C-alpha cells in the first residue's frame, strides 16, 4: 500500500508533468489538498526530477512558482538492481517491476 506522502508526491508530479515547461503557482499546488508540498518536492528532487522554484515579491507579497525542467531517467536508490529505468515505466510503479519491499525493524 502506498503511503499518503507517496500519493501526494505522485499528484504533484502529475500536475507538474501536465504543465511541462510552464510555471505552476503555489496556490495551484496547494489546491491539490495537501499542505506539506515541500516534502513532496524534496522527494521528487531526490528521485532525480529537476524541479526549480521561482520566488518573487509582487506589491509586497511573496509569490512562488515551480517548474519541472525535463523528464529524467530514474536510478533506484533502494536495495536491489541499480538499473536506470525510463520515467515512462515508473509513472505507476505499483504496476511495474519493483524492488523487494523493505520493512523498518520495529
N, C-alpha and C. Protein backbone atom coordinates (compact mmCIF):
# COMPACT_ATOMS: atom_id res chain seq x y z
N UNK A 1 0.85 -1.19 0.00
CA UNK A 1 0.00 0.00 0.00
C UNK A 1 0.88 1.23 0.00
N UNK A 2 0.53 2.20 -0.78
CA UNK A 2 1.29 3.44 -0.84
C UNK A 2 0.99 4.30 0.35
N UNK A 3 2.01 4.98 0.85
CA UNK A 3 1.80 5.92 1.94
C UNK A 3 1.19 7.21 1.42
N UNK A 4 0.62 7.96 2.32
CA UNK A 4 -0.01 9.24 1.96
C UNK A 4 0.99 10.16 1.28
N UNK A 5 2.22 10.16 1.80
CA UNK A 5 3.24 11.05 1.23
C UNK A 5 3.53 10.70 -0.22
N UNK A 6 3.56 9.39 -0.56
CA UNK A 6 3.79 8.99 -1.94
C UNK A 6 2.64 9.39 -2.84
N UNK A 7 1.42 9.29 -2.34
CA UNK A 7 0.25 9.70 -3.12
C UNK A 7 0.33 11.20 -3.41
N UNK A 8 0.69 11.98 -2.41
CA UNK A 8 0.82 13.42 -2.60
C UNK A 8 1.93 13.72 -3.61
N UNK A 9 3.05 13.03 -3.48
CA UNK A 9 4.17 13.22 -4.40
C UNK A 9 3.73 12.92 -5.82
N UNK A 10 2.97 11.82 -6.01
CA UNK A 10 2.51 11.45 -7.35
C UNK A 10 1.54 12.48 -7.92
N UNK A 11 0.67 13.02 -7.08
CA UNK A 11 -0.26 14.07 -7.54
C UNK A 11 0.51 15.31 -7.99
N UNK A 12 1.51 15.69 -7.20
CA UNK A 12 2.31 16.85 -7.55
C UNK A 12 3.06 16.61 -8.86
N UNK A 13 3.65 15.43 -9.01
CA UNK A 13 4.36 15.11 -10.24
C UNK A 13 3.43 15.15 -11.44
N UNK A 14 2.23 14.61 -11.28
CA UNK A 14 1.25 14.64 -12.37
C UNK A 14 0.92 16.08 -12.78
N UNK A 15 0.73 16.96 -11.80
CA UNK A 15 0.45 18.36 -12.10
C UNK A 15 1.62 19.00 -12.84
N UNK A 16 2.83 18.82 -12.33
CA UNK A 16 4.00 19.43 -12.97
C UNK A 16 4.22 18.88 -14.38
N UNK A 17 3.99 17.60 -14.56
CA UNK A 17 4.16 17.00 -15.89
C UNK A 17 3.09 17.48 -16.85
N UNK A 18 1.87 17.71 -16.35
CA UNK A 18 0.79 18.18 -17.23
C UNK A 18 1.06 19.60 -17.72
N UNK A 19 1.90 20.31 -17.00
CA UNK A 19 2.25 21.70 -17.36
C UNK A 19 3.71 21.79 -17.76
N UNK A 20 4.21 20.78 -18.43
CA UNK A 20 5.62 20.66 -18.80
C UNK A 20 6.19 21.97 -19.32
N UNK A 21 7.27 22.41 -18.68
CA UNK A 21 7.95 23.63 -19.11
C UNK A 21 7.28 24.91 -18.67
N UNK A 22 6.13 24.83 -18.02
CA UNK A 22 5.41 26.03 -17.57
C UNK A 22 5.54 26.17 -16.06
N UNK A 23 5.44 27.39 -15.60
CA UNK A 23 5.49 27.65 -14.16
C UNK A 23 4.13 27.34 -13.54
N UNK A 24 4.15 26.66 -12.40
CA UNK A 24 2.93 26.31 -11.66
C UNK A 24 2.96 27.09 -10.36
N UNK A 25 1.92 27.87 -10.10
CA UNK A 25 1.89 28.72 -8.91
C UNK A 25 1.69 27.90 -7.64
N UNK A 26 2.16 28.44 -6.54
CA UNK A 26 1.98 27.77 -5.25
C UNK A 26 0.51 27.56 -4.92
N UNK A 27 -0.38 28.55 -5.14
CA UNK A 27 -1.80 28.29 -4.86
C UNK A 27 -2.35 27.11 -5.67
N UNK A 28 -1.87 26.95 -6.89
CA UNK A 28 -2.32 25.83 -7.71
C UNK A 28 -1.83 24.50 -7.12
N UNK A 29 -0.60 24.48 -6.63
CA UNK A 29 -0.06 23.29 -5.98
C UNK A 29 -0.86 22.99 -4.71
N UNK A 30 -1.14 24.02 -3.92
CA UNK A 30 -1.88 23.83 -2.68
C UNK A 30 -3.32 23.38 -2.93
N UNK A 31 -3.84 23.67 -4.12
CA UNK A 31 -5.21 23.24 -4.45
C UNK A 31 -5.31 21.72 -4.57
N UNK A 32 -4.17 21.03 -4.60
CA UNK A 32 -4.18 19.57 -4.63
C UNK A 32 -4.65 18.99 -3.30
N UNK A 33 -4.65 19.84 -2.26
CA UNK A 33 -5.22 19.42 -0.99
C UNK A 33 -4.24 18.94 0.05
N UNK A 34 -2.97 19.25 -0.10
CA UNK A 34 -2.03 18.90 0.95
C UNK A 34 -1.12 20.09 1.23
N UNK A 35 -0.80 20.26 2.50
CA UNK A 35 -0.07 21.44 2.94
C UNK A 35 1.44 21.27 2.90
N UNK A 36 1.94 20.07 3.10
CA UNK A 36 3.39 19.87 3.15
C UNK A 36 3.93 19.54 1.76
N UNK A 37 3.71 20.46 0.84
CA UNK A 37 4.14 20.25 -0.53
C UNK A 37 5.67 20.21 -0.63
N UNK A 38 6.34 20.88 0.29
CA UNK A 38 7.81 20.92 0.26
C UNK A 38 8.43 19.54 0.40
N UNK A 39 7.82 18.68 1.21
CA UNK A 39 8.32 17.32 1.37
C UNK A 39 8.18 16.54 0.06
N UNK A 40 7.08 16.77 -0.65
CA UNK A 40 6.87 16.09 -1.93
C UNK A 40 7.87 16.58 -2.97
N UNK A 41 8.14 17.87 -2.98
CA UNK A 41 9.12 18.42 -3.91
C UNK A 41 10.50 17.85 -3.61
N UNK A 42 10.85 17.79 -2.33
CA UNK A 42 12.14 17.23 -1.93
C UNK A 42 12.24 15.76 -2.36
N UNK A 43 11.19 14.98 -2.15
CA UNK A 43 11.19 13.58 -2.59
C UNK A 43 11.42 13.47 -4.09
N UNK A 44 10.71 14.28 -4.86
CA UNK A 44 10.86 14.24 -6.32
C UNK A 44 12.28 14.64 -6.74
N UNK A 45 12.83 15.64 -6.10
CA UNK A 45 14.21 16.04 -6.42
C UNK A 45 15.19 14.92 -6.09
N UNK A 46 14.96 14.24 -4.98
CA UNK A 46 15.84 13.12 -4.61
C UNK A 46 15.74 11.97 -5.61
N UNK A 47 14.59 11.84 -6.25
CA UNK A 47 14.40 10.82 -7.29
C UNK A 47 15.01 11.25 -8.62
N UNK A 48 15.50 12.48 -8.69
CA UNK A 48 16.16 12.95 -9.90
C UNK A 48 15.37 13.92 -10.76
N UNK A 49 14.19 14.33 -10.29
CA UNK A 49 13.39 15.28 -11.07
C UNK A 49 13.93 16.69 -10.86
N UNK A 50 14.31 17.37 -11.93
CA UNK A 50 14.83 18.73 -11.81
C UNK A 50 13.71 19.76 -11.67
N UNK A 51 13.30 19.99 -10.44
CA UNK A 51 12.23 20.95 -10.16
C UNK A 51 12.88 22.24 -9.68
N UNK A 52 12.55 23.33 -10.33
CA UNK A 52 13.09 24.63 -9.94
C UNK A 52 11.98 25.49 -9.34
N UNK A 53 12.39 26.39 -8.48
CA UNK A 53 11.48 27.28 -7.78
C UNK A 53 11.80 28.71 -8.19
N UNK A 54 10.79 29.51 -8.41
CA UNK A 54 10.98 30.92 -8.73
C UNK A 54 10.18 31.76 -7.75
N UNK A 55 10.84 32.25 -6.69
CA UNK A 55 10.15 33.15 -5.76
C UNK A 55 10.19 34.58 -6.28
N UNK A 56 9.18 35.34 -5.94
CA UNK A 56 9.11 36.73 -6.39
C UNK A 56 8.25 37.53 -5.41
N UNK A 57 8.63 38.76 -5.18
CA UNK A 57 7.82 39.65 -4.35
C UNK A 57 7.08 40.62 -5.27
N UNK A 58 5.76 40.61 -5.17
CA UNK A 58 4.93 41.47 -6.01
C UNK A 58 4.05 42.30 -5.08
N UNK A 59 4.19 43.61 -5.17
CA UNK A 59 3.42 44.53 -4.32
C UNK A 59 3.54 44.15 -2.84
N UNK A 60 4.74 43.78 -2.43
CA UNK A 60 5.00 43.46 -1.04
C UNK A 60 4.58 42.06 -0.61
N UNK A 61 4.00 41.29 -1.51
CA UNK A 61 3.58 39.92 -1.18
C UNK A 61 4.50 38.93 -1.88
N UNK A 62 4.85 37.86 -1.14
CA UNK A 62 5.72 36.84 -1.72
C UNK A 62 4.89 35.83 -2.50
N UNK A 63 5.36 35.50 -3.69
CA UNK A 63 4.72 34.53 -4.56
C UNK A 63 5.78 33.50 -4.95
N UNK A 64 5.33 32.30 -5.26
CA UNK A 64 6.26 31.24 -5.62
C UNK A 64 5.68 30.39 -6.74
N UNK A 65 6.55 30.00 -7.65
CA UNK A 65 6.18 29.12 -8.76
C UNK A 65 7.19 27.99 -8.83
N UNK A 66 6.74 26.86 -9.34
CA UNK A 66 7.61 25.70 -9.52
C UNK A 66 7.46 25.18 -10.95
N UNK A 67 8.54 24.57 -11.44
CA UNK A 67 8.50 24.03 -12.80
C UNK A 67 9.37 22.79 -12.88
N UNK A 68 8.88 21.79 -13.60
CA UNK A 68 9.66 20.60 -13.90
C UNK A 68 10.45 20.91 -15.16
N UNK A 69 11.78 20.88 -15.05
CA UNK A 69 12.63 21.27 -16.17
C UNK A 69 12.65 20.27 -17.30
N UNK A 70 12.69 18.98 -16.99
CA UNK A 70 12.74 17.95 -18.02
C UNK A 70 12.32 16.63 -17.40
N UNK A 71 12.20 15.61 -18.23
CA UNK A 71 11.85 14.28 -17.75
C UNK A 71 13.13 13.48 -17.62
N UNK A 72 13.53 13.15 -16.39
CA UNK A 72 14.80 12.45 -16.19
C UNK A 72 14.65 10.93 -16.30
N UNK A 73 15.78 10.28 -16.26
CA UNK A 73 15.83 8.85 -16.06
C UNK A 73 15.96 8.67 -14.56
N UNK A 74 15.29 7.68 -14.01
CA UNK A 74 15.34 7.46 -12.57
C UNK A 74 16.27 6.30 -12.28
N UNK A 75 17.17 6.51 -11.34
CA UNK A 75 18.04 5.44 -10.88
C UNK A 75 17.60 5.09 -9.47
N UNK A 76 17.12 3.87 -9.26
CA UNK A 76 16.66 3.50 -7.92
C UNK A 76 17.76 3.67 -6.88
N UNK A 77 17.37 4.14 -5.71
CA UNK A 77 18.33 4.36 -4.64
C UNK A 77 18.16 3.34 -3.53
N UNK A 78 17.16 2.46 -3.65
CA UNK A 78 16.95 1.44 -2.63
C UNK A 78 17.74 0.19 -2.98
N UNK A 79 17.78 -0.77 -2.05
CA UNK A 79 18.48 -2.02 -2.31
C UNK A 79 17.86 -2.72 -3.50
N UNK A 80 18.68 -3.41 -4.24
CA UNK A 80 18.19 -4.12 -5.41
C UNK A 80 18.96 -3.67 -6.63
N UNK A 81 18.57 -4.14 -7.81
CA UNK A 81 19.29 -3.77 -9.03
C UNK A 81 19.29 -2.27 -9.23
N UNK A 82 20.42 -1.75 -9.63
CA UNK A 82 20.55 -0.30 -9.83
C UNK A 82 20.42 0.06 -11.29
N UNK A 83 19.52 -0.58 -11.99
CA UNK A 83 19.31 -0.29 -13.41
C UNK A 83 18.61 1.05 -13.56
N UNK A 84 18.97 1.75 -14.61
CA UNK A 84 18.30 3.01 -14.91
C UNK A 84 17.01 2.67 -15.64
N UNK A 85 15.91 3.21 -15.15
CA UNK A 85 14.59 2.90 -15.68
C UNK A 85 13.98 4.17 -16.24
N UNK A 86 13.50 4.15 -17.49
CA UNK A 86 12.86 5.36 -18.03
C UNK A 86 11.66 5.74 -17.18
N UNK A 87 11.44 7.04 -17.02
CA UNK A 87 10.33 7.54 -16.22
C UNK A 87 9.00 6.99 -16.69
N UNK A 88 8.83 6.84 -17.99
CA UNK A 88 7.55 6.38 -18.51
C UNK A 88 7.15 5.03 -17.93
N UNK A 89 8.12 4.20 -17.56
CA UNK A 89 7.78 2.92 -16.97
C UNK A 89 7.63 3.02 -15.47
N UNK A 90 7.97 4.18 -14.88
CA UNK A 90 7.90 4.35 -13.43
C UNK A 90 6.72 5.19 -13.00
N UNK A 91 5.94 5.66 -13.92
CA UNK A 91 4.88 6.58 -13.55
C UNK A 91 3.94 5.95 -12.53
N UNK A 92 3.64 4.69 -12.71
CA UNK A 92 2.80 3.95 -11.78
C UNK A 92 3.59 2.73 -11.33
N UNK A 93 4.51 2.93 -10.39
CA UNK A 93 5.40 1.83 -10.03
C UNK A 93 4.69 0.60 -9.51
N UNK A 94 3.48 0.74 -8.99
CA UNK A 94 2.78 -0.42 -8.48
C UNK A 94 2.41 -1.38 -9.61
N UNK A 95 2.49 -0.93 -10.85
CA UNK A 95 2.15 -1.78 -11.99
C UNK A 95 3.38 -2.37 -12.65
N UNK A 96 4.56 -1.90 -12.31
CA UNK A 96 5.78 -2.37 -12.96
C UNK A 96 6.64 -3.19 -12.02
N UNK A 97 7.86 -3.44 -12.43
CA UNK A 97 8.81 -4.19 -11.62
C UNK A 97 9.29 -3.29 -10.50
N UNK A 98 9.25 -3.83 -9.29
CA UNK A 98 9.66 -3.04 -8.14
C UNK A 98 10.70 -3.82 -7.34
N UNK A 99 11.51 -3.09 -6.63
CA UNK A 99 12.47 -3.72 -5.72
C UNK A 99 11.69 -4.38 -4.59
N UNK A 100 12.26 -5.41 -3.98
CA UNK A 100 11.55 -6.06 -2.86
C UNK A 100 11.24 -5.05 -1.77
N UNK A 101 10.08 -5.22 -1.16
CA UNK A 101 9.67 -4.33 -0.09
C UNK A 101 10.59 -4.50 1.12
N UNK A 102 10.97 -3.40 1.72
CA UNK A 102 11.79 -3.42 2.92
C UNK A 102 10.99 -2.85 4.06
N UNK A 103 10.97 -3.55 5.14
CA UNK A 103 10.21 -3.10 6.31
C UNK A 103 11.18 -2.55 7.35
N UNK A 104 10.75 -1.49 7.99
CA UNK A 104 11.55 -0.92 9.07
C UNK A 104 11.45 -1.83 10.28
N UNK A 105 12.60 -2.20 10.90
CA UNK A 105 12.53 -3.06 12.09
C UNK A 105 11.82 -2.35 13.22
N UNK A 106 10.88 -3.03 13.85
CA UNK A 106 10.10 -2.43 14.93
C UNK A 106 10.85 -2.47 16.23
